[in-house]
Amino acid sequence: MSRERRFYVDSAQVDEVAEVLRDRLVHGVTTNPTILERAHRSSADSPALYARWISEGAEEVFFQAWGDSIQTLLHTAHGILALGPKVVVKVPATRAGFAAAADLSRGGATVLLTAVYSPAQALVAASLGVRYVAPYLGRMQDRGLDGIAEISVMTALVADTGTDVLAASLRSPEAIVALAAVGVSYFTAAPAVILAMLQHELSESSNAEFEAAVARGHFRAHSQH
């Protein structure tokens, strides 16, 4: 059975996000506290960011809950969920995070368990009804792990469970293609990586030839007959 592919933009730089949303290149927007900080944003900006991105066409917007206890995670998660129906709450894959994710999922929330680094974590997440798990490919590779192989196992373990792998920390088009080849369907990456996927030097040179033919008048003359 064929499966859809989804791309998300991993950024809080509003102008860059607006570009890929405007061109309908992505399904939604993913953020975390680090991404918000890099864009000189904070959790206080979440309502305005959510409203803007939904108005620009995002189907899902991800914000991350925070806190060092189950109760604090749940409190901040419910604040995120109050933003609107297209919000997804991210919860870190910690001991407290798993418990919070279980509670939120049972309550009908759309939850992503983030910073998942082992197939065992993905398997438990699927048993809890978590909608997405997000392994960080680039960080896995930085630690010397075979991230493609590990994420391939995660994908197999959660197949047909209602949980999907949403791969993150994707630094190149080649990394995304490698993950797609082992069954991953959902990807989030920085705007520059998304745009790089559209480009190839032969596509550019071929288009230059097409445009040159138009400029010489052959295409225009032909279309008039």
Protein backbone atom coordinates (compact mmCIF):
# COMPACT_ATOMS: atom_id res chain seq x y z
CA MET A 1 0.00 0.00 0.00
CA SER A 2 1.38 3.39 -0.95
CA ARG A 3 1.97 5.99 1.73
CA GLU A 4 2.02 9.74 1.57
CA ARG A 5 5.23 11.65 2.19
CA ARG A 6 5.24 14.76 4.34
CA PHE A 7 7.81 17.46 4.79
CA TYR A 8 7.89 19.94 7.65
CA VAL A 9 10.05 23.02 8.04
CA ASP A 10 12.11 23.06 11.23
CA SER A 11 12.49 26.75 12.01
CA ALA A 12 11.08 29.78 13.79
CA GLN A 13 12.55 32.29 11.32
CA VAL A 14 9.21 33.66 10.17
CA ASP A 15 10.28 34.96 6.76
CA GLU A 16 11.96 31.69 5.78
CA VAL A 17 9.01 29.68 7.06
CA ALA A 18 6.59 31.92 5.17
CA GLU A 19 8.39 31.20 1.90
CA VAL A 20 8.04 27.43 2.04
CA LEU A 21 4.48 27.62 3.39
CA ARG A 22 3.50 30.06 0.65
CA ASP A 23 4.80 27.71 -2.03
CA ARG A 24 3.02 24.72 -0.41
CA LEU A 25 6.31 22.82 -0.08
CA VAL A 26 5.68 21.62 3.47
CA HIS A 27 2.83 20.23 5.54
CA GLY A 28 3.63 22.20 8.68
CA VAL A 29 6.19 23.72 11.03
CA THR A 30 8.21 22.13 13.81
CA THR A 31 9.94 24.03 16.61
CA ASN A 32 11.58 23.36 19.95
CA PRO A 33 12.99 25.64 22.67
CA THR A 34 16.42 25.73 20.99
CA ILE A 35 14.94 26.71 17.61
CA LEU A 36 12.83 29.42 19.24
CA GLU A 37 15.87 30.77 21.08
CA ARG A 38 17.94 30.92 17.88
CA ALA A 39 15.19 33.02 16.31
CA HIS A 40 15.14 35.28 19.39
CA ARG A 41 11.73 33.94 20.33
CA SER A 42 10.30 32.35 23.44
CA SER A 43 7.23 30.43 24.52
CA ALA A 44 5.45 33.78 24.89
CA ASP A 45 5.58 34.10 21.09
CA SER A 46 3.85 30.76 20.49
CA PRO A 47 0.30 32.11 20.09
CA ALA A 48 1.37 34.67 17.48
CA LEU A 49 3.55 32.16 15.63
CA TYR A 50 0.79 29.57 15.61
CA ALA A 51 -1.75 32.06 14.26
CA ARG A 52 0.62 33.30 11.57
CA TRP A 53 1.67 29.86 10.36
CA ILE A 54 -1.88 28.54 10.24
CA SER A 55 -2.90 31.61 8.24
CA GLU A 56 -0.04 30.86 5.85
CA GLY A 57 -1.24 27.31 5.26
CA ALA A 58 0.38 25.07 7.89
CA GLU A 59 -1.66 21.96 8.63
CA GLU A 60 0.27 21.15 11.82
CA VAL A 61 2.40 23.33 14.10
CA PHE A 62 4.62 21.72 16.73
CA PHE A 63 5.64 23.33 20.04
CA GLN A 64 7.49 21.59 22.85
CA ALA A 65 6.35 21.21 26.44
CA TRP A 66 8.93 21.77 29.16
CA GLY A 67 9.42 20.90 32.81
CA ASP A 68 11.37 18.50 35.01
CA SER A 69 8.33 16.66 36.36
CA ILE A 70 5.29 14.92 34.92
CA GLN A 71 3.01 17.57 36.40
CA THR A 72 4.97 20.47 34.94
CA LEU A 73 5.17 18.82 31.53
CA LEU A 74 1.43 18.27 31.54
CA HIS A 75 0.76 21.84 32.62
CA THR A 76 2.88 23.36 29.83
CA ALA A 77 1.54 20.82 27.32
CA HIS A 78 -2.05 21.79 28.01
CA GLY A 79 -1.12 25.43 27.49
CA ILE A 80 0.27 24.51 24.07
CA LEU A 81 -2.79 22.45 23.15
CA ALA A 82 -5.00 25.45 23.93
CA LEU A 83 -3.44 27.29 20.97
CA GLY A 84 -5.75 25.57 18.51
CA PRO A 85 -6.80 22.35 16.76
CA LYS A 86 -3.77 22.11 14.47
CA VAL A 87 -1.17 22.17 17.23
CA VAL A 88 1.00 19.15 18.05
CA VAL A 89 2.65 19.01 21.46
CA LYS A 90 6.20 17.72 21.63
CA VAL A 91 7.39 15.93 24.77
CA PRO A 92 11.00 14.88 25.42
CA ALA A 93 11.80 11.17 25.58
CA THR A 94 12.64 11.15 29.30
CA ARG A 95 11.13 9.11 32.11
CA ALA A 96 8.75 11.95 32.95
CA GLY A 97 8.18 12.61 29.26
CA PHE A 98 6.96 9.09 28.57
CA ALA A 99 4.45 9.32 31.41
CA ALA A 100 3.23 12.73 30.22
CA ALA A 101 2.99 11.49 26.63
CA ALA A 102 0.91 8.53 27.76
CA ASP A 103 -1.50 10.78 29.64
CA LEU A 104 -1.81 13.27 26.80
CA SER A 105 -2.31 10.57 24.17
CA ARG A 106 -5.03 8.89 26.22
CA GLY A 107 -6.75 12.26 26.39
CA GLY A 108 -6.83 12.55 22.61
CA ALA A 109 -3.96 14.99 22.09
CA THR A 110 -1.66 14.72 19.09
CA VAL A 111 1.75 14.06 20.64
CA LEU A 112 5.28 13.81 19.30
CA LEU A 113 7.91 12.17 21.49
CA THR A 114 11.09 14.02 20.63
CA ALA A 115 14.80 13.23 20.88
CA VAL A 116 14.22 9.50 20.48
CA TYR A 117 17.52 7.68 20.07
CA SER A 118 16.75 3.97 20.34
CA PRO A 119 14.33 1.47 18.81
CA ALA A 120 13.28 0.52 22.34
CA GLN A 121 12.07 4.06 22.99
CA ALA A 122 10.14 4.07 19.71
CA LEU A 123 8.52 0.74 20.56
CA VAL A 124 7.32 1.99 23.95
CA ALA A 125 6.03 5.21 22.36
CA ALA A 126 3.95 3.17 19.93
CA SER A 127 2.50 1.13 22.79
CA LEU A 128 1.34 4.38 24.40
CA GLY A 129 -0.46 5.61 21.31
CA VAL A 130 1.94 8.48 20.64
CA ARG A 131 1.33 9.89 17.14
CA TYR A 132 4.94 10.65 16.18
CA VAL A 133 8.44 9.82 17.34
CA ALA A 134 11.32 12.07 16.28
CA PRO A 135 14.81 10.55 16.07
CA TYR A 136 17.62 13.05 15.43
CA LEU A 137 19.68 11.61 12.61
CA GLY A 138 22.46 14.20 12.61
CA ARG A 139 23.03 13.96 16.34
CA MET A 140 23.07 10.17 16.17
CA GLN A 141 25.73 10.31 13.48
CA ASP A 142 27.71 12.84 15.51
CA ARG A 143 27.91 10.21 18.27
CA GLY A 144 29.20 7.60 15.83
CA LEU A 145 25.90 5.71 15.62
CA ASP A 146 24.54 4.23 12.39
CA GLY A 147 21.55 6.54 12.42
CA ILE A 148 20.05 5.25 9.18
CA ALA A 149 20.09 1.67 10.46
CA GLU A 150 18.67 2.62 13.86
CA ILE A 151 15.87 4.68 12.35
CA SER A 152 15.12 1.88 9.90
CA VAL A 153 14.53 -0.46 12.85
CA MET A 154 12.33 2.13 14.57
CA THR A 155 10.26 2.45 11.41
CA ALA A 156 9.77 -1.31 11.19
CA LEU A 157 8.81 -1.57 14.86
CA VAL A 158 6.09 1.09 14.69
CA ALA A 159 4.68 0.03 11.33
CA ASP A 160 0.88 -0.33 11.39
CA THR A 161 0.63 0.90 14.99
CA GLY A 162 -0.69 4.41 14.41
CA THR A 163 2.71 5.84 15.34
CA ASP A 164 4.97 7.31 12.66
CA VAL A 165 8.63 8.23 12.59
CA LEU A 166 9.14 11.93 11.89
CA ALA A 167 12.86 12.16 11.24
CA ALA A 168 14.66 15.29 12.43
CA SER A 169 18.17 16.77 12.47
CA LEU A 170 18.38 16.27 8.72
CA ARG A 171 21.30 18.18 7.28
CA SER A 172 21.19 17.34 3.58
CA PRO A 173 18.90 16.08 0.82
CA GLU A 174 21.01 12.91 0.69
CA ALA A 175 20.18 12.14 4.33
CA ILE A 176 16.47 12.48 3.61
CA VAL A 177 16.66 10.25 0.55
CA ALA A 178 18.55 7.61 2.54
CA LEU A 179 15.83 7.59 5.19
CA ALA A 180 13.06 7.43 2.60
CA ALA A 181 14.79 4.38 1.12
CA VAL A 182 14.41 2.53 4.45
CA GLY A 183 10.73 3.39 4.85
CA VAL A 184 10.57 6.76 6.60
CA SER A 185 7.75 8.95 5.28
CA TYR A 186 7.82 12.10 7.42
CA PHE A 187 10.74 14.53 7.56
CA THR A 188 11.51 17.88 9.14
CA ALA A 189 14.44 20.03 8.08
CA ALA A 190 15.68 23.60 7.95
CA PRO A 191 14.39 25.78 5.11
CA ALA A 192 17.74 25.64 3.30
CA VAL A 193 17.66 21.83 3.23
CA ILE A 194 14.08 21.78 1.95
CA LEU A 195 14.96 24.19 -0.84
CA ALA A 196 18.14 22.26 -1.70
CA MET A 197 15.98 19.22 -2.42
CA LEU A 198 14.42 21.09 -5.35
CA GLN A 199 17.70 21.86 -7.04
CA HIS A 200 20.04 20.05 -9.40
CA GLU A 201 22.60 21.63 -11.68
CA LEU A 202 21.32 19.70 -14.70
CA SER A 203 17.79 20.93 -14.06
CA GLU A 204 19.09 24.49 -13.98
CA SER A 205 21.13 24.11 -17.17
CA SER A 206 18.23 22.42 -18.98
CA ASN A 207 15.92 25.24 -17.98
CA ALA A 208 18.48 27.79 -19.18
CA GLU A 209 18.39 26.08 -22.58
CA PHE A 210 14.58 26.21 -22.64
CA GLU A 211 14.57 29.90 -21.78
CA ALA A 212 17.21 30.61 -24.42
CA ALA A 213 15.00 28.98 -27.05
CA VAL A 214 12.07 31.14 -25.97
CA ALA A 215 14.26 34.26 -26.14
CA ARG A 216 15.30 33.40 -29.71
CA GLY A 217 11.65 33.46 -30.65
CA HIS A 218 11.18 29.86 -31.79
CA PHE A 219 8.71 28.95 -29.07
CA ARG A 220 6.69 32.14 -29.54
CA ALA A 221 6.53 31.72 -33.30
CA HIS A 222 5.45 28.10 -33.02
CA SER A 223 2.73 28.86 -30.49
CA GLN A 224 1.12 31.38 -32.83
CA HIS A 225 0.21 28.72 -35.43
